[in-house]
N, C-alpha and C. Protein backbone atom coordinates (compact mmCIF):
# COMPACT_ATOMS: atom_id res chain seq x y z
N MET A 1 63.66 86.74 16.41
CA MET A 1 65.02 87.04 16.05
C MET A 1 65.75 85.70 15.85
N SER A 2 66.48 85.59 14.77
CA SER A 2 67.16 84.34 14.47
C SER A 2 68.44 84.21 15.30
N ASP A 3 68.87 82.98 15.47
CA ASP A 3 70.10 82.72 16.22
C ASP A 3 71.32 83.29 15.51
N ASN A 4 71.29 83.26 14.17
CA ASN A 4 72.41 83.79 13.40
C ASN A 4 72.55 85.29 13.62
N ASN A 5 71.44 86.01 13.64
CA ASN A 5 71.45 87.45 13.88
C ASN A 5 71.97 87.75 15.28
N THR A 6 71.58 86.95 16.24
CA THR A 6 72.05 87.13 17.62
C THR A 6 73.55 86.91 17.71
N GLU A 7 74.06 85.91 17.03
CA GLU A 7 75.50 85.63 17.03
C GLU A 7 76.28 86.77 16.37
N ILE A 8 75.74 87.33 15.30
CA ILE A 8 76.40 88.45 14.63
C ILE A 8 76.44 89.66 15.55
N ARG A 9 75.34 89.91 16.23
CA ARG A 9 75.30 91.04 17.18
C ARG A 9 76.30 90.85 18.31
N LYS A 10 76.39 89.64 18.83
CA LYS A 10 77.35 89.35 19.90
C LYS A 10 78.79 89.53 19.42
N ALA A 11 79.08 89.04 18.23
CA ALA A 11 80.42 89.18 17.67
C ALA A 11 80.76 90.65 17.42
N TYR A 12 79.79 91.41 16.93
CA TYR A 12 79.99 92.84 16.70
C TYR A 12 80.28 93.55 18.02
N TRP A 13 79.50 93.25 19.04
CA TRP A 13 79.69 93.89 20.34
C TRP A 13 81.03 93.49 20.95
N GLN A 14 81.43 92.24 20.79
CA GLN A 14 82.73 91.79 21.31
C GLN A 14 83.87 92.52 20.61
N ALA A 15 83.76 92.73 19.30
CA ALA A 15 84.79 93.46 18.56
C ALA A 15 84.86 94.91 19.06
N ASN A 16 83.70 95.50 19.30
CA ASN A 16 83.64 96.87 19.82
C ASN A 16 84.27 96.94 21.21
N LEU A 17 83.92 96.01 22.08
CA LEU A 17 84.49 96.01 23.44
C LEU A 17 85.99 95.79 23.42
N ARG A 18 86.46 94.92 22.55
CA ARG A 18 87.90 94.66 22.44
C ARG A 18 88.63 95.94 22.04
N LEU A 19 88.11 96.63 21.04
CA LEU A 19 88.71 97.88 20.58
C LEU A 19 88.70 98.93 21.69
N MET A 20 87.56 99.08 22.37
CA MET A 20 87.48 100.06 23.45
C MET A 20 88.45 99.73 24.58
N THR A 21 88.59 98.46 24.92
CA THR A 21 89.51 98.06 25.98
C THR A 21 90.95 98.41 25.62
N ILE A 22 91.33 98.13 24.40
CA ILE A 22 92.69 98.45 23.96
C ILE A 22 92.93 99.96 23.99
N LEU A 23 92.01 100.72 23.43
CA LEU A 23 92.19 102.17 23.37
C LEU A 23 92.12 102.83 24.73
N LEU A 24 91.26 102.34 25.61
CA LEU A 24 91.22 102.89 26.97
C LEU A 24 92.48 102.53 27.75
N SER A 25 93.06 101.39 27.47
CA SER A 25 94.33 101.03 28.11
C SER A 25 95.44 101.96 27.66
N VAL A 26 95.46 102.27 26.36
CA VAL A 26 96.45 103.22 25.85
C VAL A 26 96.24 104.59 26.49
N TRP A 27 95.00 105.02 26.57
CA TRP A 27 94.69 106.31 27.21
C TRP A 27 95.16 106.32 28.66
N PHE A 28 94.94 105.22 29.40
CA PHE A 28 95.37 105.12 30.79
C PHE A 28 96.89 105.24 30.89
N VAL A 29 97.59 104.56 30.02
CA VAL A 29 99.06 104.61 30.05
C VAL A 29 99.55 106.02 29.77
N ILE A 30 98.98 106.67 28.75
CA ILE A 30 99.43 108.01 28.37
C ILE A 30 99.09 109.03 29.46
N SER A 31 97.84 109.04 29.90
CA SER A 31 97.41 110.10 30.81
C SER A 31 97.81 109.85 32.25
N TYR A 32 97.65 108.63 32.74
CA TYR A 32 97.90 108.38 34.15
C TYR A 32 99.34 107.94 34.42
N LEU A 33 99.78 106.91 33.73
CA LEU A 33 101.12 106.40 34.01
C LEU A 33 102.21 107.37 33.56
N CYS A 34 102.14 107.83 32.31
CA CYS A 34 103.18 108.74 31.81
C CYS A 34 103.05 110.14 32.39
N GLY A 35 101.84 110.59 32.66
CA GLY A 35 101.63 111.95 33.14
C GLY A 35 101.71 112.11 34.64
N ILE A 36 101.56 111.01 35.40
CA ILE A 36 101.55 111.13 36.86
C ILE A 36 102.53 110.16 37.52
N VAL A 37 102.39 108.87 37.26
CA VAL A 37 103.15 107.86 38.00
C VAL A 37 104.63 107.88 37.64
N PHE A 38 104.95 107.90 36.34
CA PHE A 38 106.35 107.82 35.90
C PHE A 38 106.89 109.18 35.47
N VAL A 39 106.31 110.24 35.97
CA VAL A 39 106.71 111.58 35.53
C VAL A 39 108.16 111.88 35.91
N GLN A 40 108.61 111.46 37.07
CA GLN A 40 110.00 111.74 37.48
C GLN A 40 111.00 111.02 36.58
N GLU A 41 110.71 109.78 36.24
CA GLU A 41 111.60 109.03 35.36
C GLU A 41 111.62 109.63 33.95
N LEU A 42 110.45 110.04 33.47
CA LEU A 42 110.36 110.63 32.14
C LEU A 42 110.99 112.02 32.08
N ASN A 43 111.04 112.72 33.20
CA ASN A 43 111.63 114.06 33.23
C ASN A 43 113.14 114.02 32.97
N ALA A 44 113.76 112.86 33.07
CA ALA A 44 115.18 112.74 32.75
C ALA A 44 115.42 112.88 31.25
N ILE A 45 114.38 112.73 30.45
CA ILE A 45 114.48 112.85 28.99
C ILE A 45 113.93 114.21 28.59
N ARG A 46 114.66 114.90 27.73
CA ARG A 46 114.22 116.21 27.25
C ARG A 46 113.96 116.17 25.75
N ILE A 47 112.84 116.78 25.36
CA ILE A 47 112.50 116.90 23.94
C ILE A 47 112.19 118.38 23.69
N GLY A 48 112.95 118.99 22.82
CA GLY A 48 112.73 120.40 22.50
C GLY A 48 112.91 121.30 23.71
N GLY A 49 113.76 120.91 24.64
CA GLY A 49 114.02 121.72 25.82
C GLY A 49 113.04 121.48 26.97
N TYR A 50 112.02 120.67 26.75
CA TYR A 50 111.03 120.38 27.80
C TYR A 50 111.22 118.98 28.33
N LYS A 51 110.98 118.82 29.61
CA LYS A 51 111.06 117.50 30.21
C LYS A 51 109.89 116.65 29.69
N LEU A 52 110.18 115.40 29.37
CA LEU A 52 109.18 114.54 28.76
C LEU A 52 108.00 114.29 29.70
N GLY A 53 108.24 114.12 30.99
CA GLY A 53 107.15 113.93 31.94
C GLY A 53 106.23 115.13 31.99
N PHE A 54 106.81 116.31 31.98
CA PHE A 54 106.02 117.54 31.95
C PHE A 54 105.19 117.61 30.67
N TRP A 55 105.82 117.24 29.53
CA TRP A 55 105.11 117.27 28.26
C TRP A 55 103.90 116.33 28.28
N PHE A 56 104.09 115.10 28.80
CA PHE A 56 102.97 114.17 28.87
C PHE A 56 101.86 114.71 29.76
N ALA A 57 102.23 115.32 30.88
CA ALA A 57 101.23 115.84 31.80
C ALA A 57 100.47 117.02 31.20
N GLN A 58 101.15 117.85 30.41
CA GLN A 58 100.52 119.05 29.89
C GLN A 58 99.93 118.90 28.49
N GLN A 59 100.63 118.19 27.60
CA GLN A 59 100.20 118.12 26.21
C GLN A 59 99.94 116.70 25.72
N GLY A 60 100.77 115.77 26.15
CA GLY A 60 100.72 114.42 25.61
C GLY A 60 99.39 113.72 25.78
N SER A 61 98.78 113.91 26.94
CA SER A 61 97.50 113.24 27.17
C SER A 61 96.42 113.79 26.24
N MET A 62 96.47 115.08 25.95
CA MET A 62 95.48 115.66 25.03
C MET A 62 95.70 115.16 23.60
N TYR A 63 96.94 115.18 23.15
CA TYR A 63 97.24 114.67 21.81
C TYR A 63 96.89 113.19 21.71
N GLY A 64 97.22 112.44 22.75
CA GLY A 64 96.90 111.02 22.76
C GLY A 64 95.40 110.79 22.69
N PHE A 65 94.63 111.56 23.43
CA PHE A 65 93.18 111.40 23.43
C PHE A 65 92.58 111.71 22.07
N VAL A 66 93.05 112.77 21.42
CA VAL A 66 92.56 113.12 20.09
C VAL A 66 92.92 112.02 19.09
N ALA A 67 94.14 111.50 19.19
CA ALA A 67 94.56 110.41 18.31
C ALA A 67 93.68 109.18 18.53
N ILE A 68 93.36 108.89 19.79
CA ILE A 68 92.50 107.74 20.10
C ILE A 68 91.11 107.91 19.48
N ILE A 69 90.58 109.11 19.47
CA ILE A 69 89.27 109.36 18.86
C ILE A 69 89.31 109.02 17.37
N PHE A 70 90.35 109.49 16.67
CA PHE A 70 90.45 109.20 15.24
C PHE A 70 90.67 107.72 14.97
N ILE A 71 91.51 107.08 15.79
CA ILE A 71 91.75 105.64 15.63
C ILE A 71 90.45 104.87 15.87
N TYR A 72 89.70 105.24 16.89
CA TYR A 72 88.43 104.57 17.18
C TYR A 72 87.47 104.70 16.01
N ALA A 73 87.35 105.90 15.46
CA ALA A 73 86.43 106.11 14.33
C ALA A 73 86.84 105.27 13.12
N LYS A 74 88.13 105.23 12.82
CA LYS A 74 88.61 104.45 11.67
C LYS A 74 88.40 102.96 11.90
N LYS A 75 88.76 102.46 13.08
CA LYS A 75 88.62 101.03 13.37
C LYS A 75 87.15 100.62 13.43
N MET A 76 86.28 101.46 13.99
CA MET A 76 84.86 101.12 14.04
C MET A 76 84.25 101.10 12.65
N ALA A 77 84.72 101.96 11.76
CA ALA A 77 84.24 101.92 10.37
C ALA A 77 84.62 100.58 9.74
N ALA A 78 85.82 100.10 10.03
CA ALA A 78 86.25 98.80 9.50
C ALA A 78 85.42 97.67 10.11
N ILE A 79 85.14 97.76 11.40
CA ILE A 79 84.30 96.74 12.06
C ILE A 79 82.89 96.77 11.49
N ASP A 80 82.35 97.96 11.26
CA ASP A 80 81.01 98.09 10.66
C ASP A 80 80.97 97.44 9.28
N ARG A 81 82.01 97.68 8.48
CA ARG A 81 82.05 97.06 7.15
C ARG A 81 82.15 95.54 7.27
N LYS A 82 82.94 95.07 8.21
CA LYS A 82 83.12 93.63 8.40
C LYS A 82 81.78 92.94 8.71
N PHE A 83 80.95 93.60 9.50
CA PHE A 83 79.68 93.02 9.90
C PHE A 83 78.51 93.51 9.05
N GLY A 84 78.80 94.22 7.98
CA GLY A 84 77.76 94.65 7.06
C GLY A 84 76.85 95.74 7.61
N LEU A 85 77.38 96.59 8.46
CA LEU A 85 76.58 97.64 9.08
C LEU A 85 76.94 99.04 8.61
N HIS A 86 77.77 99.14 7.59
CA HIS A 86 78.19 100.45 7.09
C HIS A 86 77.10 101.06 6.21
N ASP A 87 77.20 102.37 6.05
CA ASP A 87 76.22 103.09 5.22
C ASP A 87 76.61 103.06 3.77
């Protein structure tokens, strides 16, 4: 295996890890912090008659997770193209 190929693989993996770290951090904020830790503060805000903290605990984390899946797929496709690994 050539050194250039090894460097490309390392760079690809680092890009993947960076993306996963960012998206998992967003997921943590949405599901844990907004849905559990800061729920009382967020409940002071109402959207459509529902308390925002309740919405994050019941719906927001699911919507956030689905959005994260689509963002991950789109960003990984861009990373694959960048490193010449696309189909």
